[in-house]
Protein backbone atom coordinates (compact mmCIF):
# COMPACT_ATOMS: atom_id res chain seq x y z
CA UNK A 1 46.37 -26.56 1.47
CA UNK A 2 46.39 -25.54 5.13
CA UNK A 3 44.66 -27.52 7.82
CA UNK A 4 42.41 -24.54 8.45
CA UNK A 5 41.03 -24.68 4.93
CA UNK A 6 40.41 -28.41 5.34
CA UNK A 7 38.62 -28.12 8.67
CA UNK A 8 35.08 -29.42 9.05
CA UNK A 9 32.45 -26.71 8.85
CA UNK A 10 30.23 -26.78 11.92
CA UNK A 11 26.52 -26.62 11.25
CA UNK A 12 26.87 -27.12 7.51
CA UNK A 13 23.57 -27.92 5.81
CA UNK A 14 22.99 -30.97 3.60
CA UNK A 15 23.67 -28.94 0.43
CA UNK A 16 26.58 -26.95 1.81
CA UNK A 17 30.22 -27.97 1.81
CA UNK A 18 31.29 -29.97 4.86
CA UNK A 19 34.90 -28.83 4.47
CA UNK A 20 36.29 -25.33 4.05
CA UNK A 21 38.15 -25.63 0.78
CA UNK A 22 37.98 -24.87 -2.91
CA UNK A 23 36.09 -28.09 -3.74
CA UNK A 24 32.46 -28.66 -2.78
CA UNK A 25 31.91 -31.75 -0.60
CA UNK A 26 28.35 -32.10 0.65
CA UNK A 27 26.81 -34.58 3.05
CA UNK A 28 25.25 -36.44 0.11
CA UNK A 29 28.63 -36.66 -1.65
CA UNK A 30 30.23 -38.09 1.48
CA UNK A 31 27.38 -40.55 1.94
CA UNK A 32 27.76 -41.83 -1.64
CA UNK A 33 31.55 -42.22 -1.31
CA UNK A 34 31.15 -44.02 2.01
CA UNK A 35 28.58 -46.37 0.48
CA UNK A 36 30.85 -47.21 -2.45
CA UNK A 37 33.79 -47.86 -0.13
CA UNK A 38 31.62 -50.15 1.99
CA UNK A 39 30.26 -52.01 -1.03
CA UNK A 40 33.66 -52.46 -2.65
CA UNK A 41 35.91 -53.09 0.33
CA UNK A 42 33.69 -53.63 3.38
CA UNK A 43 35.18 -50.58 5.08
CA UNK A 44 32.92 -48.50 7.29
CA UNK A 45 33.59 -44.78 6.91
CA UNK A 46 32.13 -42.72 9.78
CA UNK A 47 31.24 -39.05 9.33
CA UNK A 48 34.28 -38.12 11.40
CA UNK A 49 36.40 -39.04 8.35
CA UNK A 50 35.11 -36.15 6.22
CA UNK A 51 38.45 -34.32 6.15
CA UNK A 52 40.26 -37.57 5.31
CA UNK A 53 38.02 -38.06 2.28
CA UNK A 54 38.60 -34.47 1.18
CA UNK A 55 42.38 -34.54 1.61
CA UNK A 56 42.82 -37.96 0.01
CA UNK A 57 40.65 -37.27 -3.06
CA UNK A 58 41.11 -33.54 -3.72
CA UNK A 59 44.19 -34.18 -5.86
CA UNK A 60 42.23 -36.54 -8.09
CA UNK A 61 39.44 -33.99 -8.56
CA UNK A 62 41.92 -31.30 -9.54
CA UNK A 63 43.69 -33.67 -11.94
CA UNK A 64 40.34 -34.34 -13.62
CA UNK A 65 39.45 -30.64 -13.72
CA UNK A 66 36.43 -31.05 -11.43
CA UNK A 67 35.02 -28.44 -9.07
CA UNK A 68 32.82 -30.63 -6.87
CA UNK A 69 32.68 -34.08 -5.33
CA UNK A 70 29.23 -34.48 -6.83
CA UNK A 71 30.78 -34.56 -10.31
CA UNK A 72 33.42 -36.98 -9.05
CA UNK A 73 30.74 -39.27 -7.59
CA UNK A 74 28.99 -39.34 -10.95
CA UNK A 75 32.20 -40.50 -12.60
CA UNK A 76 33.12 -43.24 -10.11
CA UNK A 77 29.52 -44.51 -9.97
CA UNK A 78 29.39 -45.00 -13.75
CA UNK A 79 30.44 -48.06 -15.72
CA UNK A 80 32.98 -45.92 -17.58
CA UNK A 81 34.54 -44.80 -14.31
CA UNK A 82 35.59 -48.22 -13.02
CA UNK A 83 39.31 -47.39 -13.23
CA UNK A 84 38.81 -44.12 -11.35
CA UNK A 85 36.74 -45.96 -8.76
CA UNK A 86 39.69 -48.28 -8.16
CA UNK A 87 41.92 -45.21 -7.75
CA UNK A 88 39.43 -43.80 -5.24
CA UNK A 89 39.46 -47.03 -3.29
CA UNK A 90 43.27 -47.04 -3.25
CA UNK A 91 43.38 -43.44 -2.03
CA UNK A 92 40.98 -44.14 0.83
CA UNK A 93 42.70 -47.34 1.94
CA UNK A 94 45.18 -46.72 4.72
CA UNK A 95 48.69 -48.07 3.99
CA UNK A 96 50.63 -47.71 7.22
CA UNK A 97 53.34 -50.30 7.68
CA UNK A 98 57.00 -50.80 8.52
CA UNK A 99 59.53 -53.59 8.78
CA UNK A 100 59.10 -55.84 11.81
CA UNK A 101 56.10 -53.87 13.04
CA UNK A 102 54.90 -55.39 16.34
CA UNK A 103 58.27 -57.14 16.96
CA UNK A 104 56.73 -59.64 19.39
CA UNK A 105 54.88 -61.25 16.49
CA UNK A 106 58.09 -61.98 14.63
CA UNK A 107 59.78 -63.23 17.79
CA UNK A 108 56.84 -65.57 18.35
CA UNK A 109 56.97 -66.69 14.72
CA UNK A 110 60.68 -67.42 14.98
CA UNK A 111 60.71 -69.21 18.31
CA UNK A 112 57.30 -70.87 18.53
CA UNK A 113 56.21 -71.59 14.97
CA UNK A 114 59.06 -71.74 12.49
CA UNK A 115 61.07 -74.54 14.15
CA UNK A 116 58.24 -76.96 13.42
CA UNK A 117 57.65 -75.57 9.94
CA UNK A 118 61.34 -75.72 9.05
CA UNK A 119 61.41 -79.37 10.11
CA UNK A 120 58.30 -79.99 8.02
CA UNK A 121 59.87 -78.36 4.97
CA UNK A 122 63.08 -80.37 5.34
CA UNK A 123 61.00 -83.53 5.50
CA UNK A 124 59.44 -82.66 2.15
CA UNK A 125 56.28 -81.03 3.46
CA UNK A 126 54.38 -78.03 2.12
CA UNK A 127 54.73 -74.77 4.07
CA UNK A 128 52.61 -71.71 3.31
CA UNK A 129 52.43 -68.29 4.98
CA UNK A 130 50.06 -65.44 4.07
CA UNK A 131 50.32 -61.69 4.59
CA UNK A 132 46.66 -60.79 4.08
CA UNK A 133 47.07 -57.02 3.79
CA UNK A 134 50.67 -56.58 2.69
CA UNK A 135 50.58 -52.87 1.74
CA UNK A 136 53.98 -51.83 0.34
CA UNK A 137 55.62 -55.11 1.25
CA UNK A 138 57.35 -54.58 4.58
CA UNK A 139 55.26 -57.22 6.36
CA UNK A 140 55.79 -60.15 3.95
CA UNK A 141 59.46 -59.24 3.52
CA UNK A 142 59.80 -59.27 7.33
CA UNK A 143 58.17 -62.71 7.35
CA UNK A 144 60.57 -63.89 4.65
CA UNK A 145 63.63 -62.52 6.46
CA UNK A 146 62.54 -64.23 9.67
CA UNK A 147 62.16 -67.49 7.76
CA UNK A 148 65.52 -67.11 6.02
CA UNK A 149 67.24 -66.49 9.35
CA UNK A 150 66.36 -70.09 10.19
CA UNK A 151 66.26 -71.66 6.73
CA UNK A 152 68.71 -69.81 4.45
CA UNK A 153 68.12 -72.33 1.64
CA UNK A 154 64.32 -71.98 1.80
CA UNK A 155 64.23 -71.78 -2.01
CA UNK A 156 65.21 -75.46 -2.12
CA UNK A 157 62.00 -76.48 -0.34
CA UNK A 158 58.26 -76.20 -0.85
CA UNK A 159 57.99 -72.94 1.08
CA UNK A 160 56.09 -69.90 -0.17
CA UNK A 161 54.62 -66.65 1.16
CA UNK A 162 51.44 -65.22 -0.34
CA UNK A 163 51.16 -61.42 -0.02
CA UNK A 164 47.85 -59.80 -0.96
CA UNK A 165 46.37 -56.33 -0.96
CA UNK A 166 43.36 -54.60 -2.47
CA UNK A 167 45.46 -51.78 -3.97
CA UNK A 168 47.25 -52.69 -7.24
CA UNK A 169 49.41 -49.57 -7.06
CA UNK A 170 50.80 -50.41 -3.66
CA UNK A 171 51.49 -53.96 -4.88
CA UNK A 172 53.64 -52.56 -7.68
CA UNK A 173 55.68 -50.75 -5.05
CA UNK A 174 55.92 -53.93 -2.97
CA UNK A 175 57.16 -55.96 -5.92
CA UNK A 176 59.94 -53.43 -6.55
CA UNK A 177 61.26 -54.10 -3.07
CA UNK A 178 63.27 -50.87 -2.81
CA UNK A 179 63.20 -48.98 0.48
CA UNK A 180 64.84 -45.90 1.96
CA UNK A 181 67.62 -45.95 4.52
CA UNK A 182 65.15 -44.89 7.20
CA UNK A 183 62.64 -47.57 6.23
CA UNK A 184 65.14 -50.42 6.65
CA UNK A 185 66.47 -49.17 9.99
CA UNK A 186 64.25 -51.66 11.86
CA UNK A 187 65.79 -54.63 10.04
CA UNK A 188 68.56 -56.33 12.04
CA UNK A 189 71.87 -55.45 10.39
CA UNK A 190 72.81 -59.11 9.86
CA UNK A 191 69.63 -59.75 7.88
CA UNK A 192 69.96 -56.52 5.94
CA UNK A 193 73.52 -57.33 4.93
CA UNK A 194 72.64 -60.90 3.97
CA UNK A 195 69.40 -60.35 2.05
CA UNK A 196 69.39 -56.74 0.83
CA UNK A 197 71.71 -54.78 -1.42
CA UNK A 198 72.54 -51.05 -1.47
CA UNK A 199 70.65 -49.24 -4.20
CA UNK A 200 70.08 -45.75 -5.51
CA UNK A 201 66.49 -44.56 -5.78
CA UNK A 202 65.95 -41.09 -7.22
CA UNK A 203 69.34 -39.96 -5.96
CA UNK A 204 68.78 -41.25 -2.43
CA UNK A 205 70.60 -44.09 -0.75
CA UNK A 206 68.24 -47.02 -0.57
CA UNK A 207 68.17 -50.77 -0.12
CA UNK A 208 66.82 -53.37 -2.54
CA UNK A 209 65.48 -56.74 -1.48
CA UNK A 210 67.56 -59.45 -3.15
CA UNK A 211 65.93 -61.76 -5.72
CA UNK A 212 66.34 -64.76 -3.41
CA UNK A 213 63.92 -63.10 -0.98
CA UNK A 214 61.53 -61.85 -3.64
CA UNK A 215 61.29 -65.32 -5.16
CA UNK A 216 59.76 -66.65 -1.94
CA UNK A 217 56.83 -64.20 -2.17
CA UNK A 218 53.91 -64.08 -4.58
CA UNK A 219 52.23 -60.65 -4.59
CA UNK A 220 48.59 -60.80 -5.66
CA UNK A 221 45.64 -58.40 -5.72
CA UNK A 222 42.86 -59.55 -3.39
CA UNK A 223 39.77 -58.00 -1.83
CA UNK A 224 39.17 -59.57 1.58
CA UNK A 225 35.41 -59.31 1.16
CA UNK A 226 35.55 -60.72 -2.39
CA UNK A 227 36.38 -64.14 -3.78
CA UNK A 228 39.38 -66.02 -2.45
CA UNK A 229 40.91 -68.32 -5.09
CA UNK A 230 43.22 -70.10 -2.64
CA UNK A 231 42.56 -73.81 -2.12
CA UNK A 232 45.33 -75.04 0.15
CA UNK A 233 45.91 -74.27 3.82
CA UNK A 234 48.22 -71.72 5.46
CA UNK A 235 50.14 -72.54 8.62
CA UNK A 236 50.65 -68.83 9.28
CA UNK A 237 48.39 -65.87 8.50
CA UNK A 238 49.19 -62.25 9.29
CA UNK A 239 46.14 -59.97 9.10
CA UNK A 240 46.93 -56.96 11.24
CA UNK A 241 45.18 -53.63 11.65
CA UNK A 242 42.76 -54.38 8.81
CA UNK A 243 39.47 -55.76 10.12
CA UNK A 244 39.28 -52.90 12.63
CA UNK A 245 37.90 -50.87 9.71
CA UNK A 246 35.10 -53.38 9.10
CA UNK A 247 31.74 -53.75 10.82
CA UNK A 248 31.43 -56.60 13.33
CA UNK A 249 29.59 -59.01 11.04
CA UNK A 250 32.20 -58.54 8.31
CA UNK A 251 34.96 -59.14 10.86
CA UNK A 252 33.36 -62.39 11.95
CA UNK A 253 32.99 -63.52 8.35
CA UNK A 254 36.68 -62.89 7.66
CA UNK A 255 37.84 -64.67 10.83
CA UNK A 256 35.79 -67.70 9.82
CA UNK A 257 37.17 -67.67 6.30
CA UNK A 258 40.69 -67.64 7.73
CA UNK A 259 39.73 -70.49 10.02
CA UNK A 260 38.68 -72.63 7.08
CA UNK A 261 42.09 -72.16 5.46
CA UNK A 262 44.15 -73.02 8.53
CA UNK A 263 45.24 -76.46 9.75
CA UNK A 264 45.30 -77.56 13.35
CA UNK A 265 48.06 -75.58 15.07
CA UNK A 266 48.10 -72.80 12.47
CA UNK A 267 48.81 -69.32 13.81
CA UNK A 268 46.85 -66.13 13.19
CA UNK A 269 48.51 -62.78 13.98
CA UNK A 270 46.22 -59.74 14.31
CA UNK A 271 46.48 -56.06 15.21
CA UNK A 272 46.82 -54.80 18.77
CA UNK A 273 43.36 -53.16 18.64
CA UNK A 274 41.62 -56.22 17.22
CA UNK A 275 40.15 -59.40 18.67
CA UNK A 276 38.97 -62.68 17.16
CA UNK A 277 35.27 -63.26 17.79
CA UNK A 278 32.43 -65.33 16.39
CA UNK A 279 34.47 -68.45 15.58
CA UNK A 280 33.35 -70.68 18.44
CA UNK A 281 36.24 -72.53 20.08
CA UNK A 282 38.29 -72.78 16.89
CA UNK A 283 40.97 -70.34 18.05
CA UNK A 284 42.79 -70.15 21.35
CA UNK A 285 45.07 -67.39 22.58
CA UNK A 286 48.74 -68.18 21.98
CA UNK A 287 50.42 -64.92 22.91
CA UNK A 288 49.82 -61.22 22.57
CA UNK A 289 47.34 -60.77 19.68
CA UNK A 290 48.32 -64.23 18.45
CA UNK A 291 45.91 -67.13 18.05
CA UNK A 292 46.32 -70.87 17.51
CA UNK A 293 43.90 -72.79 15.32
CA UNK A 294 42.29 -75.68 17.16
CA UNK A 295 41.15 -78.47 14.89
CA UNK A 296 40.83 -77.67 11.21
CA UNK A 297 41.77 -79.44 7.98
CA UNK A 298 44.77 -81.75 7.80
CA UNK A 299 48.17 -80.18 7.43
């Protein structure tokens, strides 16, 4: 469909379609979808995202043989439509990532944080890192590769990376650990040669993450505004370009939940458009969009 047919209709009434296309999307439909997204994932969807909703969900409507978003809303709001509601949530959740995104974070991790954690692991200590919105896996794999560059035998120690995301489909992709030639171009060649293997994916040259790397990572489904089953602490948490989609009070709640799972000296890495607020003096700046936990439970 052309962009013109997906453009927002100016002056559309409440019962008219907000988007010029073959599927009817009214203001009430958009309001209901936005409310469900907020209730399920804490994400605030402003009216400026009308075309995003249309473009992301139109394929699902057509697959179900529906002509309007009103009919779709009835399905995803029903008890019988729980699986489709999860698909809707996955479609509306942005999954933009790449290997070693924001390189300064991984440089900071390698030079300022991992030396102490490697020493702790070698002394028999417990080391845990968390990628709190892992998408298709590039972030936790980048964390693992950075760790392995300093501790190649990490599997011999009590070192693990938790990688979570709200979208079960994207987690399946992450667990596969197969990426295109273009996708792995940001990985230093020495790390790629050591910890990835050439692969063929649908006739295209690709790279597969080796089992030794995958074994360090546990991929789990998790809603950041839902229950967190984790009990232990994490010395490192990456949560980047996620809370920017939440309202301020939800952001503060998440920062405080992270705080309660971090020991003194733990590091929190966030997105370049985000800031940590509402946590008192429990975090101090430790670099560009990097924070150090002050106080906290014992390591």
